[in-house]
């Protein structure tokens, strides 16, 4: 399935504008559209992961990072030069998010005792 790259780029710009005005729900909405279409650039994945991290929504942060890894594995296979460093960066962020989730689960479990 082919997607309109101009529309996707426009969404990224809109998302950045929404972030600047503090409307994170609308930013999430437009970035999520690009993620759903497997946008082949890092912007929506970076921004969504950051927004979700700041909202303490670790599950969505992890979901977005996992999707970014899938997309950037494909980009790397296409021999696009920017693919590999971004792939490693997303994998690193994912490891940190998973570790954060584990730490939060331990803290929650300790509080229940």
C-alpha atoms as a PDB file:
ATOM      1  CA  UNK A   1       0.000   0.000   0.000  1.00  0.00           C
ATOM      2  CA  UNK A   2       1.362   3.402  -1.013  1.00  0.00           C
ATOM      3  CA  UNK A   3       0.963   6.414   1.257  1.00  0.00           C
ATOM      4  CA  UNK A   4       1.128  10.098   0.444  1.00  0.00           C
ATOM      5  CA  UNK A   5       4.506  11.259   1.756  1.00  0.00           C
ATOM      6  CA  UNK A   6       3.499  14.929   1.482  1.00  0.00           C
ATOM      7  CA  UNK A   7       0.477  14.296   3.693  1.00  0.00           C
ATOM      8  CA  UNK A   8       2.657  12.423   6.175  1.00  0.00           C
ATOM      9  CA  UNK A   9       5.201  15.266   6.260  1.00  0.00           C
ATOM     10  CA  UNK A  10       2.337  17.723   6.734  1.00  0.00           C
ATOM     11  CA  UNK A  11       1.074  15.671   9.685  1.00  0.00           C
ATOM     12  CA  UNK A  12       4.523  15.798  11.280  1.00  0.00           C
ATOM     13  CA  UNK A  13       4.523  19.597  10.961  1.00  0.00           C
ATOM     14  CA  UNK A  14       1.013  19.789  12.431  1.00  0.00           C
ATOM     15  CA  UNK A  15       2.063  17.518  15.281  1.00  0.00           C
ATOM     16  CA  UNK A  16       5.018  19.786  16.070  1.00  0.00           C
ATOM     17  CA  UNK A  17       2.694  22.821  16.045  1.00  0.00           C
ATOM     18  CA  UNK A  18       0.261  21.067  18.395  1.00  0.00           C
ATOM     19  CA  UNK A  19       3.154  20.257  20.727  1.00  0.00           C
ATOM     20  CA  UNK A  20       4.281  23.897  20.769  1.00  0.00           C
ATOM     21  CA  UNK A  21       0.787  24.990  21.827  1.00  0.00           C
ATOM     22  CA  UNK A  22       0.572  22.241  24.447  1.00  0.00           C
ATOM     23  CA  UNK A  23      -2.161  20.280  22.665  1.00  0.00           C
ATOM     24  CA  UNK A  24      -0.527  16.884  23.133  1.00  0.00           C
ATOM     25  CA  UNK A  25      -3.719  14.919  22.436  1.00  0.00           C
ATOM     26  CA  UNK A  26      -3.941  16.335  18.908  1.00  0.00           C
ATOM     27  CA  UNK A  27      -0.191  15.868  18.420  1.00  0.00           C
ATOM     28  CA  UNK A  28      -0.572  12.222  19.413  1.00  0.00           C
ATOM     29  CA  UNK A  29      -3.490  11.846  17.013  1.00  0.00           C
ATOM     30  CA  UNK A  30      -1.583  13.066  13.931  1.00  0.00           C
ATOM     31  CA  UNK A  31       1.659  11.287  14.821  1.00  0.00           C
ATOM     32  CA  UNK A  32      -0.255   8.040  15.398  1.00  0.00           C
ATOM     33  CA  UNK A  33      -1.667   8.278  11.862  1.00  0.00           C
ATOM     34  CA  UNK A  34       1.877   8.291  10.483  1.00  0.00           C
ATOM     35  CA  UNK A  35       2.917   5.426  12.730  1.00  0.00           C
ATOM     36  CA  UNK A  36      -0.107   3.415  11.564  1.00  0.00           C
ATOM     37  CA  UNK A  37       1.080   4.006   7.979  1.00  0.00           C
ATOM     38  CA  UNK A  38       4.670   2.950   8.856  1.00  0.00           C
ATOM     39  CA  UNK A  39       6.123   6.381   8.056  1.00  0.00           C
ATOM     40  CA  UNK A  40       9.726   5.978   6.911  1.00  0.00           C
ATOM     41  CA  UNK A  41      11.261   8.731   8.990  1.00  0.00           C
ATOM     42  CA  UNK A  42      12.042   9.010  12.666  1.00  0.00           C
ATOM     43  CA  UNK A  43      10.036  12.122  13.596  1.00  0.00           C
ATOM     44  CA  UNK A  44       6.655  10.666  14.632  1.00  0.00           C
ATOM     45  CA  UNK A  45       8.279   7.759  16.483  1.00  0.00           C
ATOM     46  CA  UNK A  46      10.690  10.024  18.367  1.00  0.00           C
ATOM     47  CA  UNK A  47       8.008  12.521  19.282  1.00  0.00           C
ATOM     48  CA  UNK A  48       5.387   9.950  20.300  1.00  0.00           C
ATOM     49  CA  UNK A  49       7.869   7.985  22.402  1.00  0.00           C
ATOM     50  CA  UNK A  50       8.883  11.200  24.152  1.00  0.00           C
ATOM     51  CA  UNK A  51       5.299  12.360  24.710  1.00  0.00           C
ATOM     52  CA  UNK A  52       4.266   8.966  26.066  1.00  0.00           C
ATOM     53  CA  UNK A  53       7.357   8.823  28.288  1.00  0.00           C
ATOM     54  CA  UNK A  54       6.547  12.283  29.685  1.00  0.00           C
ATOM     55  CA  UNK A  55       2.971  11.124  30.347  1.00  0.00           C
ATOM     56  CA  UNK A  56       4.275   7.995  32.112  1.00  0.00           C
ATOM     57  CA  UNK A  57       2.523   5.877  29.490  1.00  0.00           C
ATOM     58  CA  UNK A  58       5.259   3.260  29.234  1.00  0.00           C
ATOM     59  CA  UNK A  59       3.149   0.706  27.357  1.00  0.00           C
ATOM     60  CA  UNK A  60       2.474   3.110  24.483  1.00  0.00           C
ATOM     61  CA  UNK A  61       6.089   4.278  24.513  1.00  0.00           C
ATOM     62  CA  UNK A  62       7.193   0.653  24.110  1.00  0.00           C
ATOM     63  CA  UNK A  63       4.600   0.000  21.374  1.00  0.00           C
ATOM     64  CA  UNK A  64       5.793   3.000  19.334  1.00  0.00           C
ATOM     65  CA  UNK A  65       9.458   2.090  19.752  1.00  0.00           C
ATOM     66  CA  UNK A  66       8.766  -1.492  18.668  1.00  0.00           C
ATOM     67  CA  UNK A  67       7.010  -0.172  15.552  1.00  0.00           C
ATOM     68  CA  UNK A  68       9.948   2.162  14.844  1.00  0.00           C
ATOM     69  CA  UNK A  69      12.341  -0.772  15.046  1.00  0.00           C
ATOM     70  CA  UNK A  70      10.298  -2.729  12.501  1.00  0.00           C
ATOM     71  CA  UNK A  71      10.242   0.260  10.131  1.00  0.00           C
ATOM     72  CA  UNK A  72      13.937   1.018  10.519  1.00  0.00           C
ATOM     73  CA  UNK A  73      14.931  -2.629  10.073  1.00  0.00           C
ATOM     74  CA  UNK A  74      13.215  -2.389   6.696  1.00  0.00           C
ATOM     75  CA  UNK A  75      14.934   0.925   5.923  1.00  0.00           C
ATOM     76  CA  UNK A  76      18.287  -0.631   6.778  1.00  0.00           C
ATOM     77  CA  UNK A  77      17.568  -3.519   4.410  1.00  0.00           C
ATOM     78  CA  UNK A  78      16.877  -0.938   1.699  1.00  0.00           C
ATOM     79  CA  UNK A  79      20.452   0.330   2.289  1.00  0.00           C
ATOM     80  CA  UNK A  80      19.362   3.806   3.317  1.00  0.00           C
ATOM     81  CA  UNK A  81      22.336   5.238   5.181  1.00  0.00           C
ATOM     82  CA  UNK A  82      20.352   6.803   8.020  1.00  0.00           C
ATOM     83  CA  UNK A  83      18.619   3.529   8.849  1.00  0.00           C
ATOM     84  CA  UNK A  84      21.230   1.746  10.925  1.00  0.00           C
ATOM     85  CA  UNK A  85      22.114   4.479  13.456  1.00  0.00           C
ATOM     86  CA  UNK A  86      18.433   5.274  13.995  1.00  0.00           C
ATOM     87  CA  UNK A  87      17.648   1.573  14.360  1.00  0.00           C
ATOM     88  CA  UNK A  88      20.286   1.262  17.091  1.00  0.00           C
ATOM     89  CA  UNK A  89      18.963   4.401  18.796  1.00  0.00           C
ATOM     90  CA  UNK A  90      15.393   3.064  18.823  1.00  0.00           C
ATOM     91  CA  UNK A  91      16.567  -0.310  20.165  1.00  0.00           C
ATOM     92  CA  UNK A  92      18.469   1.469  22.932  1.00  0.00           C
ATOM     93  CA  UNK A  93      15.424   3.567  23.843  1.00  0.00           C
ATOM     94  CA  UNK A  94      13.281   0.424  23.864  1.00  0.00           C
ATOM     95  CA  UNK A  95      15.669  -1.325  26.268  1.00  0.00           C
ATOM     96  CA  UNK A  96      15.493   1.681  28.603  1.00  0.00           C
ATOM     97  CA  UNK A  97      11.680   1.798  28.424  1.00  0.00           C
ATOM     98  CA  UNK A  98      11.415  -1.916  29.191  1.00  0.00           C
ATOM     99  CA  UNK A  99      13.794  -1.495  32.129  1.00  0.00           C
ATOM    100  CA  UNK A 100      11.711   1.425  33.407  1.00  0.00           C
ATOM    101  CA  UNK A 101       8.577  -0.716  33.160  1.00  0.00           C
ATOM    102  CA  UNK A 102      10.272  -3.492  35.151  1.00  0.00           C
ATOM    103  CA  UNK A 103      11.406  -1.036  37.830  1.00  0.00           C
ATOM    104  CA  UNK A 104       7.911   0.424  38.133  1.00  0.00           C
ATOM    105  CA  UNK A 105       6.444  -3.072  38.466  1.00  0.00           C
ATOM    106  CA  UNK A 106       8.933  -3.881  41.252  1.00  0.00           C
ATOM    107  CA  UNK A 107       8.060  -0.655  43.060  1.00  0.00           C
ATOM    108  CA  UNK A 108       4.345  -1.368  42.759  1.00  0.00           C
ATOM    109  CA  UNK A 109       4.842  -4.917  44.020  1.00  0.00           C
ATOM    110  CA  UNK A 110       6.908  -3.660  46.981  1.00  0.00           C
ATOM    111  CA  UNK A 111       4.155  -1.203  47.938  1.00  0.00           C
ATOM    112  CA  UNK A 112       1.579  -3.989  47.974  1.00  0.00           C
ATOM    113  CA  UNK A 113       3.544  -5.989  50.551  1.00  0.00           C
END
